[in-house]
Amino acid sequence: MALTLAEANRIVEGALAQAAEFNIKVSVAVCDAGGRLVALNRMDGAIWAGAYGSQGKAVASAAFGRPSGELTERADQPTPRGIAAAEGGHMIMGQGALPIIRNGLIEGACGVGGGTSQQDEDCARAGLAKI
């Protein structure tokens, strides 16, 4: 079963609710397994760059099927660097996104930008808990 828009919107809502609890302003992006945007939301007052950061982290997480923070150490190695370049340079291999994996298949990822790296990941986790 592929990720639906309704599910993506629930993920966004869950991540935004966690951000509100943290009293931070973030952007939340949910992409499909191919790294294409399904849903995006930027909270009032969130920095504009967070919209790009959340998407870039989500793309990286979906591409590699793991939390984007796990990619940081290898980001400058030839293979991840080459994949990121071939993809168009939209990946951000920094903490703040988690993959959506169901029945052993990667269906996409949720990325968050605007808080600390840990807050971003915690918001993504709260979003994923909604599905």
C-alpha atoms as a PDB file:
ATOM      1  CA  MET A   1       0.000   0.000   0.000  1.00  0.00           C
ATOM      2  CA  ALA A   2       1.427   3.360  -0.984  1.00  0.00           C
ATOM      3  CA  LEU A   3       1.485   6.376   1.279  1.00  0.00           C
ATOM      4  CA  THR A   4      -1.717   8.390   0.825  1.00  0.00           C
ATOM      5  CA  LEU A   5      -2.258  12.128   1.024  1.00  0.00           C
ATOM      6  CA  ALA A   6      -4.528  11.622   4.029  1.00  0.00           C
ATOM      7  CA  GLU A   7      -1.746   9.722   5.816  1.00  0.00           C
ATOM      8  CA  ALA A   8       0.830  12.348   4.863  1.00  0.00           C
ATOM      9  CA  ASN A   9      -1.412  15.069   6.258  1.00  0.00           C
ATOM     10  CA  ARG A  10      -1.828  13.137   9.543  1.00  0.00           C
ATOM     11  CA  ILE A  11       1.947  12.839   9.780  1.00  0.00           C
ATOM     12  CA  VAL A  12       2.306  16.590   9.244  1.00  0.00           C
ATOM     13  CA  GLU A  13      -0.331  17.306  11.893  1.00  0.00           C
ATOM     14  CA  GLY A  14       1.412  15.046  14.415  1.00  0.00           C
ATOM     15  CA  ALA A  15       4.785  16.663  13.789  1.00  0.00           C
ATOM     16  CA  LEU A  16       3.314  20.154  14.086  1.00  0.00           C
ATOM     17  CA  ALA A  17       1.605  19.236  17.356  1.00  0.00           C
ATOM     18  CA  GLN A  18       4.947  18.080  18.784  1.00  0.00           C
ATOM     19  CA  ALA A  19       6.606  21.294  17.610  1.00  0.00           C
ATOM     20  CA  ALA A  20       3.907  23.293  19.399  1.00  0.00           C
ATOM     21  CA  GLU A  21       4.635  21.330  22.585  1.00  0.00           C
ATOM     22  CA  PHE A  22       8.322  22.178  22.189  1.00  0.00           C
ATOM     23  CA  ASN A  23       7.322  25.817  21.528  1.00  0.00           C
ATOM     24  CA  ILE A  24       9.303  25.869  18.281  1.00  0.00           C
ATOM     25  CA  LYS A  25       8.401  26.877  14.730  1.00  0.00           C
ATOM     26  CA  VAL A  26       9.148  24.279  12.064  1.00  0.00           C
ATOM     27  CA  SER A  27       8.462  23.121   8.547  1.00  0.00           C
ATOM     28  CA  VAL A  28       7.373  19.531   7.957  1.00  0.00           C
ATOM     29  CA  ALA A  29       7.726  17.665   4.671  1.00  0.00           C
ATOM     30  CA  VAL A  30       6.465  14.204   3.786  1.00  0.00           C
ATOM     31  CA  CYS A  31       7.732  12.592   0.602  1.00  0.00           C
ATOM     32  CA  ASP A  32       6.971   9.317  -1.139  1.00  0.00           C
ATOM     33  CA  ALA A  33       9.416   6.468  -1.691  1.00  0.00           C
ATOM     34  CA  GLY A  34      10.850   8.256  -4.727  1.00  0.00           C
ATOM     35  CA  GLY A  35      11.547  11.422  -2.750  1.00  0.00           C
ATOM     36  CA  ARG A  36       8.687  13.390  -4.301  1.00  0.00           C
ATOM     37  CA  LEU A  37       6.800  15.778  -2.054  1.00  0.00           C
ATOM     38  CA  VAL A  38       3.367  14.622  -0.862  1.00  0.00           C
ATOM     39  CA  ALA A  39       2.693  17.194   1.871  1.00  0.00           C
ATOM     40  CA  LEU A  40       4.435  20.290   3.226  1.00  0.00           C
ATOM     41  CA  ASN A  41       3.554  22.740   5.960  1.00  0.00           C
ATOM     42  CA  ARG A  42       5.481  25.706   7.363  1.00  0.00           C
ATOM     43  CA  MET A  43       4.301  27.062  10.681  1.00  0.00           C
ATOM     44  CA  ASP A  44       3.631  30.774  10.990  1.00  0.00           C
ATOM     45  CA  GLY A  45       6.887  32.396  12.025  1.00  0.00           C
ATOM     46  CA  ALA A  46       9.086  29.469  10.966  1.00  0.00           C
ATOM     47  CA  ILE A  47      12.226  30.372   9.036  1.00  0.00           C
ATOM     48  CA  TRP A  48      11.818  30.029   5.270  1.00  0.00           C
ATOM     49  CA  ALA A  49      14.906  27.835   4.954  1.00  0.00           C
ATOM     50  CA  GLY A  50      13.243  25.166   7.087  1.00  0.00           C
ATOM     51  CA  ALA A  51      10.938  24.360   4.180  1.00  0.00           C
ATOM     52  CA  TYR A  52      13.982  23.358   2.126  1.00  0.00           C
ATOM     53  CA  GLY A  53      15.687  21.646   5.048  1.00  0.00           C
ATOM     54  CA  SER A  54      12.678  19.502   5.879  1.00  0.00           C
ATOM     55  CA  GLN A  55      12.331  18.377   2.266  1.00  0.00           C
ATOM     56  CA  GLY A  56      16.042  17.658   1.837  1.00  0.00           C
ATOM     57  CA  LYS A  57      16.179  15.541   4.973  1.00  0.00           C
ATOM     58  CA  ALA A  58      13.035  13.640   3.953  1.00  0.00           C
ATOM     59  CA  VAL A  59      14.460  12.915   0.491  1.00  0.00           C
ATOM     60  CA  ALA A  60      17.689  11.565   2.003  1.00  0.00           C
ATOM     61  CA  SER A  61      15.820   9.430   4.525  1.00  0.00           C
ATOM     62  CA  ALA A  62      13.551   7.928   1.863  1.00  0.00           C
ATOM     63  CA  ALA A  63      16.460   7.316  -0.518  1.00  0.00           C
ATOM     64  CA  PHE A  64      18.517   5.391   2.001  1.00  0.00           C
ATOM     65  CA  GLY A  65      15.677   3.934   4.092  1.00  0.00           C
ATOM     66  CA  ARG A  66      17.091   5.115   7.386  1.00  0.00           C
ATOM     67  CA  PRO A  67      16.995   8.144   9.679  1.00  0.00           C
ATOM     68  CA  SER A  68      18.728  11.034   7.968  1.00  0.00           C
ATOM     69  CA  GLY A  69      20.953  11.565  11.000  1.00  0.00           C
ATOM     70  CA  GLU A  70      22.543   8.157  10.417  1.00  0.00           C
ATOM     71  CA  LEU A  71      23.773   9.421   7.050  1.00  0.00           C
ATOM     72  CA  THR A  72      25.773  12.376   8.368  1.00  0.00           C
ATOM     73  CA  GLU A  73      29.038  10.522   8.968  1.00  0.00           C
ATOM     74  CA  ARG A  74      29.022   9.045   5.455  1.00  0.00           C
ATOM     75  CA  ALA A  75      27.669  12.085   3.619  1.00  0.00           C
ATOM     76  CA  ASP A  76      31.032  12.973   2.096  1.00  0.00           C
ATOM     77  CA  GLN A  77      31.974   9.441   1.043  1.00  0.00           C
ATOM     78  CA  PRO A  78      31.952   8.747  -2.698  1.00  0.00           C
ATOM     79  CA  THR A  79      28.790   6.637  -2.909  1.00  0.00           C
ATOM     80  CA  PRO A  80      26.398   8.838  -0.880  1.00  0.00           C
ATOM     81  CA  ARG A  81      27.901  11.965  -2.449  1.00  0.00           C
ATOM     82  CA  GLY A  82      27.452  10.476  -5.927  1.00  0.00           C
ATOM     83  CA  ILE A  83      23.864   9.438  -5.245  1.00  0.00           C
ATOM     84  CA  ALA A  84      23.061  12.916  -3.920  1.00  0.00           C
ATOM     85  CA  ALA A  85      24.619  14.522  -7.004  1.00  0.00           C
ATOM     86  CA  ALA A  86      22.789  12.190  -9.398  1.00  0.00           C
ATOM     87  CA  GLU A  87      19.522  12.938  -7.580  1.00  0.00           C
ATOM     88  CA  GLY A  88      20.039  16.638  -8.174  1.00  0.00           C
ATOM     89  CA  GLY A  89      21.613  17.747  -4.913  1.00  0.00           C
ATOM     90  CA  HIS A  90      18.365  17.971  -2.951  1.00  0.00           C
ATOM     91  CA  MET A  91      19.372  15.546  -0.196  1.00  0.00           C
ATOM     92  CA  ILE A  92      20.368  16.775   3.229  1.00  0.00           C
ATOM     93  CA  MET A  93      22.102  14.073   5.220  1.00  0.00           C
ATOM     94  CA  GLY A  94      21.574  15.608   8.635  1.00  0.00           C
ATOM     95  CA  GLN A  95      19.394  14.627  11.570  1.00  0.00           C
ATOM     96  CA  GLY A  96      15.702  15.446  11.381  1.00  0.00           C
ATOM     97  CA  ALA A  97      13.961  12.897   9.135  1.00  0.00           C
ATOM     98  CA  LEU A  98      12.702   9.356   9.556  1.00  0.00           C
ATOM     99  CA  PRO A  99      11.703   6.839   6.901  1.00  0.00           C
ATOM    100  CA  ILE A 100       8.179   5.491   6.601  1.00  0.00           C
ATOM    101  CA  ILE A 101       8.557   1.713   6.432  1.00  0.00           C
ATOM    102  CA  ARG A 102       5.572  -0.629   6.329  1.00  0.00           C
ATOM    103  CA  ASN A 103       5.631  -4.343   5.678  1.00  0.00           C
ATOM    104  CA  GLY A 104       9.356  -4.059   5.030  1.00  0.00           C
ATOM    105  CA  LEU A 105       8.907  -1.514   2.230  1.00  0.00           C
ATOM    106  CA  ILE A 106      10.010   2.111   2.205  1.00  0.00           C
ATOM    107  CA  GLU A 107       6.938   4.224   1.485  1.00  0.00           C
ATOM    108  CA  GLY A 108       8.522   7.621   2.025  1.00  0.00           C
ATOM    109  CA  ALA A 109       9.841   9.783   4.837  1.00  0.00           C
ATOM    110  CA  CYS A 110       8.988  12.673   7.123  1.00  0.00           C
ATOM    111  CA  GLY A 111      11.502  15.482   7.491  1.00  0.00           C
ATOM    112  CA  VAL A 112      11.379  18.436   9.854  1.00  0.00           C
ATOM    113  CA  GLY A 113      13.434  21.632   9.871  1.00  0.00           C
ATOM    114  CA  GLY A 114      13.521  24.603  12.197  1.00  0.00           C
ATOM    115  CA  GLY A 115      14.344  23.252  15.646  1.00  0.00           C
ATOM    116  CA  THR A 116      17.486  21.600  16.895  1.00  0.00           C
ATOM    117  CA  SER A 117      18.401  18.426  15.062  1.00  0.00           C
ATOM    118  CA  GLN A 118      17.028  16.321  17.925  1.00  0.00           C
ATOM    119  CA  GLN A 119      13.807  18.349  18.134  1.00  0.00           C
ATOM    120  CA  ASP A 120      13.342  17.938  14.388  1.00  0.00           C
ATOM    121  CA  GLU A 121      13.723  14.166  14.642  1.00  0.00           C
ATOM    122  CA  ASP A 122      11.413  14.023  17.660  1.00  0.00           C
ATOM    123  CA  CYS A 123       8.761  15.935  15.703  1.00  0.00           C
ATOM    124  CA  ALA A 124       9.142  13.539  12.770  1.00  0.00           C
ATOM    125  CA  ARG A 125       8.744  10.593  15.155  1.00  0.00           C
ATOM    126  CA  ALA A 126       5.563  12.128  16.596  1.00  0.00           C
ATOM    127  CA  GLY A 127       4.252  12.545  13.067  1.00  0.00           C
ATOM    128  CA  LEU A 128       4.961   8.947  12.120  1.00  0.00           C
ATOM    129  CA  ALA A 129       3.138   7.788  15.247  1.00  0.00           C
ATOM    130  CA  LYS A 130      -0.068   9.113  13.657  1.00  0.00           C
ATOM    131  CA  ILE A 131      -0.079   6.343  11.056  1.00  0.00           C
END
